[in-house]
Amino acid sequence: MKIDLRQLEMLEAVARHRSLTLAAEELHVTQPAISIQLRKLEAELGIALTERAGRGIRLTEAGHEAVQHAQRIGQALEDMRENMRQYRGLVRGQLRIAVVSTANYFIPADIARFRKLHPAIEVNLKVANRDGILELIEANESDLAITGQPPDDSELVARRFKPNPLVVIAPPDHPLAGQFEVSPRELVAFPFVFREPGSGTRAAMERAFREHGLECRPSCVLSSNEAVKQAVQAGLGIAVISQQTTQLELETDRLIILPCKELSLTRQWFLVYRNFRRLPPSALEFRNQLLTEA
């Protein structure tokens, strides 16, 4: 089978842009050139990979499968280049890491320690919710991911390295403030500020209350920890959040913690990466740093 790497690159660009014109502009070729190479690739594989969709273009089911293979091949080539640079003694490269928004409160300190030892390594940090970072790993757009909930995927390795306790926060003048212990049933009598669907914190909160046969009543749904803390301070409800995000607000008496030992809110941080591919040296070194410190 004669498949050109350039053809795979063109297919991947068309998949991202859903446009022959935009893919051609990115690759600095003409639109007819991409069309010709895609037809040759389809002829070699014996199946259509793209089809017209209005004024644009979209992938067929076979096309989606082919793009996944093309991305893996492209990543394997990039891994080879990175490793060859290391063999030549060039201390340079890129660390690509994706983290959930809560981890963004502590991961900069870990990155700073890494950069102190490896100042020539460029760090590419992406922040998203749990579903988003797993998509980045699956698409090979990040080498490592940090999440508070291990993925249920046999192609991913998840290694715990740091505790991540969750707490129930409230404004200082809340009716439950000052109690030595609060029950889950007392908590659900009040509205909650929720994180968005796909958030690991939200999933852990809902699971903890379901264990007691209870369900939280949402007052609003927000997509960041900072927004959640601001909403709680404004009196929109109480919330479950990582304790690692609340240090400043607790020290300045803008928020309090409502103690509830009955809720199972003890979690771990997990370092996630693919099990079928070799990590580039920068990611391998950062992984070892986190696990050694743990």
C-alpha atoms as a PDB file:
ATOM      1  CA  MET A   1       0.000   0.000   0.000  1.00  0.00           C
ATOM      2  CA  LYS A   2       1.434   3.356  -1.092  1.00  0.00           C
ATOM      3  CA  ILE A   3       0.257   6.055   1.305  1.00  0.00           C
ATOM      4  CA  ASP A   4       2.067   9.377   1.379  1.00  0.00           C
ATOM      5  CA  LEU A   5       2.558  11.099   4.742  1.00  0.00           C
ATOM      6  CA  ARG A   6       1.646  14.356   3.039  1.00  0.00           C
ATOM      7  CA  GLN A   7      -1.725  12.856   2.111  1.00  0.00           C
ATOM      8  CA  LEU A   8      -2.387  12.020   5.766  1.00  0.00           C
ATOM      9  CA  GLU A   9      -1.401  15.553   6.753  1.00  0.00           C
ATOM     10  CA  MET A  10      -3.876  16.947   4.222  1.00  0.00           C
ATOM     11  CA  LEU A  11      -6.647  14.647   5.449  1.00  0.00           C
ATOM     12  CA  GLU A  12      -6.062  15.714   9.055  1.00  0.00           C
ATOM     13  CA  ALA A  13      -6.136  19.412   8.076  1.00  0.00           C
ATOM     14  CA  VAL A  14      -9.391  18.958   6.138  1.00  0.00           C
ATOM     15  CA  ALA A  15     -10.894  17.174   9.161  1.00  0.00           C
ATOM     16  CA  ARG A  16     -10.024  20.086  11.455  1.00  0.00           C
ATOM     17  CA  HIS A  17     -11.156  22.888   9.139  1.00  0.00           C
ATOM     18  CA  ARG A  18     -14.006  21.070   7.344  1.00  0.00           C
ATOM     19  CA  SER A  19     -12.912  23.108   4.359  1.00  0.00           C
ATOM     20  CA  LEU A  20     -10.571  22.401   1.443  1.00  0.00           C
ATOM     21  CA  THR A  21      -9.834  26.106   1.111  1.00  0.00           C
ATOM     22  CA  LEU A  22      -8.788  26.613   4.753  1.00  0.00           C
ATOM     23  CA  ALA A  23      -6.778  23.375   4.751  1.00  0.00           C
ATOM     24  CA  ALA A  24      -4.970  24.513   1.603  1.00  0.00           C
ATOM     25  CA  GLU A  25      -4.157  27.899   3.162  1.00  0.00           C
ATOM     26  CA  GLU A  26      -2.725  26.223   6.276  1.00  0.00           C
ATOM     27  CA  LEU A  27      -0.540  23.829   4.260  1.00  0.00           C
ATOM     28  CA  HIS A  28       0.448  26.459   1.661  1.00  0.00           C
ATOM     29  CA  VAL A  29      -0.830  24.441  -1.289  1.00  0.00           C
ATOM     30  CA  THR A  30      -3.658  24.913  -3.753  1.00  0.00           C
ATOM     31  CA  GLN A  31      -7.139  23.551  -3.199  1.00  0.00           C
ATOM     32  CA  PRO A  32      -6.953  21.347  -6.320  1.00  0.00           C
ATOM     33  CA  ALA A  33      -3.711  19.856  -5.003  1.00  0.00           C
ATOM     34  CA  ILE A  34      -5.471  18.724  -1.825  1.00  0.00           C
ATOM     35  CA  SER A  35      -8.415  17.352  -3.803  1.00  0.00           C
ATOM     36  CA  ILE A  36      -6.087  15.316  -6.022  1.00  0.00           C
ATOM     37  CA  GLN A  37      -4.143  13.878  -3.078  1.00  0.00           C
ATOM     38  CA  LEU A  38      -7.326  12.968  -1.195  1.00  0.00           C
ATOM     39  CA  ARG A  39      -8.671  11.161  -4.269  1.00  0.00           C
ATOM     40  CA  LYS A  40      -5.391   9.243  -4.538  1.00  0.00           C
ATOM     41  CA  LEU A  41      -5.595   8.300  -0.850  1.00  0.00           C
ATOM     42  CA  GLU A  42      -9.195   7.152  -1.234  1.00  0.00           C
ATOM     43  CA  ALA A  43      -8.244   5.100  -4.295  1.00  0.00           C
ATOM     44  CA  GLU A  44      -5.388   3.480  -2.364  1.00  0.00           C
ATOM     45  CA  LEU A  45      -7.664   2.629   0.575  1.00  0.00           C
ATOM     46  CA  GLY A  46     -10.600   1.664  -1.629  1.00  0.00           C
ATOM     47  CA  ILE A  47     -13.173   3.729   0.268  1.00  0.00           C
ATOM     48  CA  ALA A  48     -14.515   7.290   0.391  1.00  0.00           C
ATOM     49  CA  LEU A  49     -13.081   9.365   3.233  1.00  0.00           C
ATOM     50  CA  THR A  50     -14.901  12.664   2.634  1.00  0.00           C
ATOM     51  CA  GLU A  51     -18.231  13.859   1.301  1.00  0.00           C
ATOM     52  CA  ARG A  52     -19.811  17.189   0.463  1.00  0.00           C
ATOM     53  CA  ALA A  53     -21.829  18.961   3.170  1.00  0.00           C
ATOM     54  CA  GLY A  54     -23.425  22.092   1.751  1.00  0.00           C
ATOM     55  CA  ARG A  55     -20.581  24.438   0.841  1.00  0.00           C
ATOM     56  CA  GLY A  56     -18.150  22.557   3.054  1.00  0.00           C
ATOM     57  CA  ILE A  57     -16.830  19.053   3.395  1.00  0.00           C
ATOM     58  CA  ARG A  58     -17.131  16.422   6.100  1.00  0.00           C
ATOM     59  CA  LEU A  59     -15.613  13.060   6.887  1.00  0.00           C
ATOM     60  CA  THR A  60     -17.336   9.753   6.339  1.00  0.00           C
ATOM     61  CA  GLU A  61     -17.253   7.153   9.111  1.00  0.00           C
ATOM     62  CA  ALA A  62     -14.204   5.613   7.442  1.00  0.00           C
ATOM     63  CA  GLY A  63     -12.684   9.088   7.188  1.00  0.00           C
ATOM     64  CA  HIS A  64     -12.950   9.607  10.952  1.00  0.00           C
ATOM     65  CA  GLU A  65     -11.177   6.289  11.500  1.00  0.00           C
ATOM     66  CA  ALA A  66      -8.458   7.207   9.014  1.00  0.00           C
ATOM     67  CA  VAL A  67      -7.880  10.578  10.712  1.00  0.00           C
ATOM     68  CA  GLN A  68      -7.331   8.883  14.081  1.00  0.00           C
ATOM     69  CA  HIS A  69      -4.643   6.704  12.517  1.00  0.00           C
ATOM     70  CA  ALA A  70      -3.139   9.731  10.768  1.00  0.00           C
ATOM     71  CA  GLN A  71      -2.928  11.607  14.087  1.00  0.00           C
ATOM     72  CA  ARG A  72      -1.216   8.666  15.753  1.00  0.00           C
ATOM     73  CA  ILE A  73       1.272   8.416  12.907  1.00  0.00           C
ATOM     74  CA  GLY A  74       1.939  12.149  13.095  1.00  0.00           C
ATOM     75  CA  GLN A  75       2.470  11.951  16.856  1.00  0.00           C
ATOM     76  CA  ALA A  76       4.798   8.969  16.452  1.00  0.00           C
ATOM     77  CA  LEU A  77       6.894  10.985  13.991  1.00  0.00           C
ATOM     78  CA  GLU A  78       6.976  13.938  16.405  1.00  0.00           C
ATOM     79  CA  ASP A  79       8.061  11.582  19.204  1.00  0.00           C
ATOM     80  CA  MET A  80      10.873  10.344  16.967  1.00  0.00           C
ATOM     81  CA  ARG A  81      12.024  13.907  16.224  1.00  0.00           C
ATOM     82  CA  GLU A  82      11.929  14.783  19.929  1.00  0.00           C
ATOM     83  CA  ASN A  83      13.919  11.704  20.895  1.00  0.00           C
ATOM     84  CA  MET A  84      16.453  12.278  18.124  1.00  0.00           C
ATOM     85  CA  ARG A  85      16.998  15.817  19.397  1.00  0.00           C
ATOM     86  CA  GLN A  86      17.757  14.363  22.787  1.00  0.00           C
ATOM     87  CA  TYR A  87      20.188  11.838  21.302  1.00  0.00           C
ATOM     88  CA  ARG A  88      21.976  14.730  19.605  1.00  0.00           C
ATOM     89  CA  GLY A  89      22.382  16.360  22.994  1.00  0.00           C
ATOM     90  CA  LEU A  90      19.996  19.267  22.350  1.00  0.00           C
ATOM     91  CA  VAL A  91      18.251  20.182  25.593  1.00  0.00           C
ATOM     92  CA  ARG A  92      15.019  21.531  24.202  1.00  0.00           C
ATOM     93  CA  GLY A  93      11.477  20.405  23.600  1.00  0.00           C
ATOM     94  CA  GLN A  94       7.904  20.985  24.695  1.00  0.00           C
ATOM     95  CA  LEU A  95       5.873  19.822  27.681  1.00  0.00           C
ATOM     96  CA  ARG A  96       2.200  19.517  26.707  1.00  0.00           C
ATOM     97  CA  ILE A  97      -0.082  19.139  29.699  1.00  0.00           C
ATOM     98  CA  ALA A  98      -3.842  19.516  30.201  1.00  0.00           C
ATOM     99  CA  VAL A  99      -5.395  20.057  33.629  1.00  0.00           C
ATOM    100  CA  VAL A 100      -8.854  20.529  35.068  1.00  0.00           C
ATOM    101  CA  SER A 101      -9.461  24.063  36.303  1.00  0.00           C
ATOM    102  CA  THR A 102      -9.104  23.108  39.976  1.00  0.00           C
ATOM    103  CA  ALA A 103      -5.599  21.722  39.397  1.00  0.00           C
ATOM    104  CA  ASN A 104      -4.618  25.105  38.001  1.00  0.00           C
ATOM    105  CA  TYR A 105      -4.367  26.308  41.607  1.00  0.00           C
ATOM    106  CA  PHE A 106      -1.345  24.101  42.392  1.00  0.00           C
ATOM    107  CA  ILE A 107       0.162  22.939  39.101  1.00  0.00           C
ATOM    108  CA  PRO A 108       1.977  26.250  38.316  1.00  0.00           C
ATOM    109  CA  ALA A 109       4.273  25.632  41.307  1.00  0.00           C
ATOM    110  CA  ASP A 110       5.122  22.162  39.967  1.00  0.00           C
ATOM    111  CA  ILE A 111       5.774  23.611  36.509  1.00  0.00           C
ATOM    112  CA  ALA A 112       8.014  26.300  38.022  1.00  0.00           C
ATOM    113  CA  ARG A 113      10.145  23.638  39.726  1.00  0.00           C
ATOM    114  CA  PHE A 114      10.351  21.735  36.452  1.00  0.00           C
ATOM    115  CA  ARG A 115      11.343  24.853  34.488  1.00  0.00           C
ATOM    116  CA  LYS A 116      14.034  25.696  37.036  1.00  0.00           C
ATOM    117  CA  LEU A 117      15.720  22.387  36.208  1.00  0.00           C
ATOM    118  CA  HIS A 118      14.896  22.495  32.478  1.00  0.00           C
ATOM    119  CA  PRO A 119      14.689  26.182  31.454  1.00  0.00           C
ATOM    120  CA  ALA A 120      14.836  25.434  27.727  1.00  0.00           C
ATOM    121  CA  ILE A 121      11.642  23.340  27.764  1.00  0.00           C
ATOM    122  CA  GLU A 122       8.562  25.210  26.523  1.00  0.00           C
ATOM    123  CA  VAL A 123       5.412  24.459  28.529  1.00  0.00           C
ATOM    124  CA  ASN A 124       2.042  24.265  26.782  1.00  0.00           C
ATOM    125  CA  LEU A 125      -0.653  24.221  29.497  1.00  0.00           C
ATOM    126  CA  LYS A 126      -4.333  23.817  28.642  1.00  0.00           C
ATOM    127  CA  VAL A 127      -7.167  24.131  31.165  1.00  0.00           C
ATOM    128  CA  ALA A 128     -10.578  22.500  30.653  1.00  0.00           C
ATOM    129  CA  ASN A 129     -13.107  20.393  32.538  1.00  0.00           C
ATOM    130  CA  ARG A 130     -12.580  16.652  32.958  1.00  0.00           C
ATOM    131  CA  ASP A 131     -14.275  15.675  29.690  1.00  0.00           C
ATOM    132  CA  GLY A 132     -12.286  18.324  27.844  1.00  0.00           C
ATOM    133  CA  ILE A 133      -8.856  17.202  29.024  1.00  0.00           C
ATOM    134  CA  LEU A 134      -9.600  13.564  28.229  1.00  0.00           C
ATOM    135  CA  GLU A 135     -10.528  14.656  24.703  1.00  0.00           C
ATOM    136  CA  LEU A 136      -7.171  16.471  24.444  1.00  0.00           C
ATOM    137  CA  ILE A 137      -5.348  13.276  25.460  1.00  0.00           C
ATOM    138  CA  GLU A 138      -7.402  11.199  23.024  1.00  0.00           C
ATOM    139  CA  ALA A 139      -6.626  13.647  20.197  1.00  0.00           C
ATOM    140  CA  ASN A 140      -2.901  13.594  21.111  1.00  0.00           C
ATOM    141  CA  GLU A 141      -2.980  17.348  21.698  1.00  0.00           C
ATOM    142  CA  SER A 142      -1.579  16.862  25.213  1.00  0.00           C
ATOM    143  CA  ASP A 143       0.841  14.250  26.540  1.00  0.00           C
ATOM    144  CA  LEU A 144      -0.210  14.375  30.202  1.00  0.00           C
ATOM    145  CA  ALA A 145      -3.461  15.251  31.942  1.00  0.00           C
ATOM    146  CA  ILE A 146      -4.362  15.903  35.564  1.00  0.00           C
ATOM    147  CA  THR A 147      -7.861  15.132  36.811  1.00  0.00           C
ATOM    148  CA  GLY A 148      -9.580  14.335  40.079  1.00  0.00           C
ATOM    149  CA  GLN A 149     -11.425  11.316  38.709  1.00  0.00           C
ATOM    150  CA  PRO A 150      -9.654   8.404  36.960  1.00  0.00           C
ATOM    151  CA  PRO A 151     -10.963   7.694  33.453  1.00  0.00           C
ATOM    152  CA  ASP A 152     -12.733   4.451  32.622  1.00  0.00           C
ATOM    153  CA  ASP A 153     -10.624   3.761  29.545  1.00  0.00           C
ATOM    154  CA  SER A 154      -8.298   0.795  29.060  1.00  0.00           C
ATOM    155  CA  GLU A 155      -6.096   2.860  26.722  1.00  0.00           C
ATOM    156  CA  LEU A 156      -5.270   5.355  29.493  1.00  0.00           C
ATOM    157  CA  VAL A 157      -3.010   4.999  32.525  1.00  0.00           C
ATOM    158  CA  ALA A 158      -4.107   6.870  35.689  1.00  0.00           C
ATOM    159  CA  ARG A 159      -1.644   7.215  38.586  1.00  0.00           C
ATOM    160  CA  ARG A 160      -2.606   8.955  41.822  1.00  0.00           C
ATOM    161  CA  PHE A 161      -0.066  11.438  43.154  1.00  0.00           C
ATOM    162  CA  LYS A 162      -1.747  14.001  45.414  1.00  0.00           C
ATOM    163  CA  PRO A 163      -4.777  14.201  47.749  1.00  0.00           C
ATOM    164  CA  ASN A 164      -7.680  16.395  46.651  1.00  0.00           C
ATOM    165  CA  PRO A 165     -10.116  16.952  49.544  1.00  0.00           C
ATOM    166  CA  LEU A 166     -13.465  18.528  48.693  1.00  0.00           C
ATOM    167  CA  VAL A 167     -15.328  20.741  51.163  1.00  0.00           C
ATOM    168  CA  VAL A 168     -18.733  22.381  51.479  1.00  0.00           C
ATOM    169  CA  ILE A 169     -18.416  26.182  51.432  1.00  0.00           C
ATOM    170  CA  ALA A 170     -20.886  28.857  52.516  1.00  0.00           C
ATOM    171  CA  PRO A 171     -20.929  32.588  53.282  1.00  0.00           C
ATOM    172  CA  PRO A 172     -20.021  33.473  56.894  1.00  0.00           C
ATOM    173  CA  ASP A 173     -23.610  34.516  57.733  1.00  0.00           C
ATOM    174  CA  HIS A 174     -25.165  31.232  56.564  1.00  0.00           C
ATOM    175  CA  PRO A 175     -27.793  29.702  58.928  1.00  0.00           C
ATOM    176  CA  LEU A 176     -25.600  26.576  59.362  1.00  0.00           C
ATOM    177  CA  ALA A 177     -22.486  28.593  60.218  1.00  0.00           C
ATOM    178  CA  GLY A 178     -20.912  27.771  63.584  1.00  0.00           C
ATOM    179  CA  GLN A 179     -22.255  24.228  63.848  1.00  0.00           C
ATOM    180  CA  PHE A 180     -19.761  21.606  64.991  1.00  0.00           C
ATOM    181  CA  GLU A 181     -21.154  19.078  62.505  1.00  0.00           C
ATOM    182  CA  VAL A 182     -23.713  19.348  59.699  1.00  0.00           C
ATOM    183  CA  SER A 183     -25.661  16.407  58.286  1.00  0.00           C
ATOM    184  CA  PRO A 184     -26.128  15.799  54.539  1.00  0.00           C
ATOM    185  CA  ARG A 185     -29.900  16.192  55.014  1.00  0.00           C
ATOM    186  CA  GLU A 186     -29.411  19.630  56.561  1.00  0.00           C
ATOM    187  CA  LEU A 187     -27.256  20.664  53.600  1.00  0.00           C
ATOM    188  CA  VAL A 188     -29.760  19.683  50.884  1.00  0.00           C
ATOM    189  CA  ALA A 189     -32.367  21.925  52.502  1.00  0.00           C
ATOM    190  CA  PHE A 190     -30.435  24.817  50.942  1.00  0.00           C
ATOM    191  CA  PRO A 191     -29.826  25.572  47.233  1.00  0.00           C
ATOM    192  CA  PHE A 192     -26.444  24.650  45.745  1.00  0.00           C
ATOM    193  CA  VAL A 193     -24.192  26.387  43.254  1.00  0.00           C
ATOM    194  CA  PHE A 194     -23.280  23.695  40.698  1.00  0.00           C
ATOM    195  CA  ARG A 195     -20.310  23.275  38.393  1.00  0.00           C
ATOM    196  CA  GLU A 196     -21.116  22.529  34.742  1.00  0.00           C
ATOM    197  CA  PRO A 197     -21.899  18.998  33.420  1.00  0.00           C
ATOM    198  CA  GLY A 198     -18.618  17.180  32.749  1.00  0.00           C
ATOM    199  CA  SER A 199     -16.968  18.640  35.860  1.00  0.00           C
ATOM    200  CA  GLY A 200     -15.299  16.036  38.100  1.00  0.00           C
ATOM    201  CA  THR A 201     -16.160  18.065  41.203  1.00  0.00           C
ATOM    202  CA  ARG A 202     -19.844  18.075  40.291  1.00  0.00           C
ATOM    203  CA  ALA A 203     -19.808  14.326  39.631  1.00  0.00           C
ATOM    204  CA  ALA A 204     -18.150  13.672  43.018  1.00  0.00           C
ATOM    205  CA  MET A 205     -20.659  15.929  44.809  1.00  0.00           C
ATOM    206  CA  GLU A 206     -23.681  14.262  43.233  1.00  0.00           C
ATOM    207  CA  ARG A 207     -22.265  10.801  43.942  1.00  0.00           C
ATOM    208  CA  ALA A 208     -21.605  11.668  47.609  1.00  0.00           C
ATOM    209  CA  PHE A 209     -25.178  12.815  48.191  1.00  0.00           C
ATOM    210  CA  ARG A 210     -26.681   9.881  46.249  1.00  0.00           C
ATOM    211  CA  GLU A 211     -24.960   7.562  48.749  1.00  0.00           C
ATOM    212  CA  HIS A 212     -27.346   9.056  51.334  1.00  0.00           C
ATOM    213  CA  GLY A 213     -30.368   8.920  49.024  1.00  0.00           C
ATOM    214  CA  LEU A 214     -30.328  12.700  48.653  1.00  0.00           C
ATOM    215  CA  GLU A 215     -30.268  15.119  45.723  1.00  0.00           C
ATOM    216  CA  CYS A 216     -28.986  18.690  45.714  1.00  0.00           C
ATOM    217  CA  ARG A 217     -31.176  21.542  44.465  1.00  0.00           C
ATOM    218  CA  PRO A 218     -29.289  23.834  42.033  1.00  0.00           C
ATOM    219  CA  SER A 219     -29.629  27.601  42.188  1.00  0.00           C
ATOM    220  CA  CYS A 220     -27.233  28.186  39.282  1.00  0.00           C
ATOM    221  CA  VAL A 221     -24.652  26.355  37.158  1.00  0.00           C
ATOM    222  CA  LEU A 222     -21.230  27.934  36.641  1.00  0.00           C
ATOM    223  CA  SER A 223     -18.158  26.884  34.679  1.00  0.00           C
ATOM    224  CA  SER A 224     -15.268  27.925  36.939  1.00  0.00           C
ATOM    225  CA  ASN A 225     -14.206  27.690  40.572  1.00  0.00           C
ATOM    226  CA  GLU A 226     -13.805  31.466  40.821  1.00  0.00           C
ATOM    227  CA  ALA A 227     -17.370  31.991  39.624  1.00  0.00           C
ATOM    228  CA  VAL A 228     -18.626  29.399  42.114  1.00  0.00           C
ATOM    229  CA  LYS A 229     -16.852  31.114  45.035  1.00  0.00           C
ATOM    230  CA  GLN A 230     -18.177  34.526  44.002  1.00  0.00           C
ATOM    231  CA  ALA A 231     -21.722  33.135  43.759  1.00  0.00           C
ATOM    232  CA  VAL A 232     -21.475  31.578  47.233  1.00  0.00           C
ATOM    233  CA  GLN A 233     -20.170  34.841  48.680  1.00  0.00           C
ATOM    234  CA  ALA A 234     -23.138  36.638  47.062  1.00  0.00           C
ATOM    235  CA  GLY A 235     -25.570  34.296  48.827  1.00  0.00           C
ATOM    236  CA  LEU A 236     -26.740  32.312  45.789  1.00  0.00           C
ATOM    237  CA  GLY A 237     -26.216  29.018  47.592  1.00  0.00           C
ATOM    238  CA  ILE A 238     -23.658  26.695  49.130  1.00  0.00           C
ATOM    239  CA  ALA A 239     -21.237  24.623  47.051  1.00  0.00           C
ATOM    240  CA  VAL A 240     -18.848  21.683  47.030  1.00  0.00           C
ATOM    241  CA  ILE A 241     -15.382  22.678  45.873  1.00  0.00           C
ATOM    242  CA  SER A 242     -11.758  21.592  46.181  1.00  0.00           C
ATOM    243  CA  GLN A 243     -10.277  22.842  49.434  1.00  0.00           C
ATOM    244  CA  GLN A 244      -7.107  23.749  47.513  1.00  0.00           C
ATOM    245  CA  THR A 245      -8.999  26.589  45.804  1.00  0.00           C
ATOM    246  CA  THR A 246     -10.307  28.268  48.970  1.00  0.00           C
ATOM    247  CA  GLN A 247      -7.230  29.315  50.966  1.00  0.00           C
ATOM    248  CA  LEU A 248      -7.480  33.068  50.285  1.00  0.00           C
ATOM    249  CA  GLU A 249     -11.238  33.280  50.897  1.00  0.00           C
ATOM    250  CA  LEU A 250     -10.979  31.335  54.161  1.00  0.00           C
ATOM    251  CA  GLU A 251      -8.084  33.456  55.436  1.00  0.00           C
ATOM    252  CA  THR A 252      -9.991  36.682  54.713  1.00  0.00           C
ATOM    253  CA  ASP A 253     -13.284  35.385  56.199  1.00  0.00           C
ATOM    254  CA  ARG A 254     -15.154  35.673  52.912  1.00  0.00           C
ATOM    255  CA  LEU A 255     -16.120  32.000  53.024  1.00  0.00           C
ATOM    256  CA  ILE A 256     -16.446  29.295  55.674  1.00  0.00           C
ATOM    257  CA  ILE A 257     -16.399  25.495  55.540  1.00  0.00           C
ATOM    258  CA  LEU A 258     -19.464  23.608  56.732  1.00  0.00           C
ATOM    259  CA  PRO A 259     -18.127  20.415  58.384  1.00  0.00           C
ATOM    260  CA  CYS A 260     -19.890  17.263  57.178  1.00  0.00           C
ATOM    261  CA  LYS A 261     -17.937  14.094  57.948  1.00  0.00           C
ATOM    262  CA  GLU A 262     -20.755  11.872  56.703  1.00  0.00           C
ATOM    263  CA  LEU A 263     -20.141  12.888  53.077  1.00  0.00           C
ATOM    264  CA  SER A 264     -17.489  10.931  51.153  1.00  0.00           C
ATOM    265  CA  LEU A 265     -15.581  13.927  49.773  1.00  0.00           C
ATOM    266  CA  THR A 266     -11.998  12.648  49.972  1.00  0.00           C
ATOM    267  CA  ARG A 267     -10.535  12.346  46.479  1.00  0.00           C
ATOM    268  CA  GLN A 268      -7.147  12.024  44.779  1.00  0.00           C
ATOM    269  CA  TRP A 269      -5.422  13.796  41.928  1.00  0.00           C
ATOM    270  CA  PHE A 270      -4.554  11.488  39.035  1.00  0.00           C
ATOM    271  CA  LEU A 271      -1.875  11.831  36.369  1.00  0.00           C
ATOM    272  CA  VAL A 272      -3.256  10.438  33.102  1.00  0.00           C
ATOM    273  CA  TYR A 273      -1.522   9.448  29.858  1.00  0.00           C
ATOM    274  CA  ARG A 274      -1.904   6.957  27.022  1.00  0.00           C
ATOM    275  CA  ASN A 275      -0.573   3.466  27.624  1.00  0.00           C
ATOM    276  CA  PHE A 276       0.191   2.585  23.996  1.00  0.00           C
ATOM    277  CA  ARG A 277       2.666   5.352  23.207  1.00  0.00           C
ATOM    278  CA  ARG A 278       6.009   6.299  24.598  1.00  0.00           C
ATOM    279  CA  LEU A 279       6.002   9.635  26.374  1.00  0.00           C
ATOM    280  CA  PRO A 280       8.389  12.271  24.987  1.00  0.00           C
ATOM    281  CA  PRO A 281      11.349  12.985  27.305  1.00  0.00           C
ATOM    282  CA  SER A 282       9.893  16.246  28.652  1.00  0.00           C
ATOM    283  CA  ALA A 283       6.602  14.597  29.640  1.00  0.00           C
ATOM    284  CA  LEU A 284       8.421  11.580  31.061  1.00  0.00           C
ATOM    285  CA  GLU A 285      10.603  13.838  33.225  1.00  0.00           C
ATOM    286  CA  PHE A 286       7.606  15.853  34.492  1.00  0.00           C
ATOM    287  CA  ARG A 287       5.671  12.667  35.230  1.00  0.00           C
ATOM    288  CA  ASN A 288       8.601  11.335  37.250  1.00  0.00           C
ATOM    289  CA  GLN A 289       8.870  14.637  39.140  1.00  0.00           C
ATOM    290  CA  LEU A 290       5.218  14.545  40.218  1.00  0.00           C
ATOM    291  CA  LEU A 291       5.316  10.871  41.232  1.00  0.00           C
ATOM    292  CA  THR A 292       8.619  11.272  43.094  1.00  0.00           C
ATOM    293  CA  GLU A 293       7.319  14.253  45.060  1.00  0.00           C
ATOM    294  CA  ALA A 294       4.179  12.270  45.875  1.00  0.00           C
END
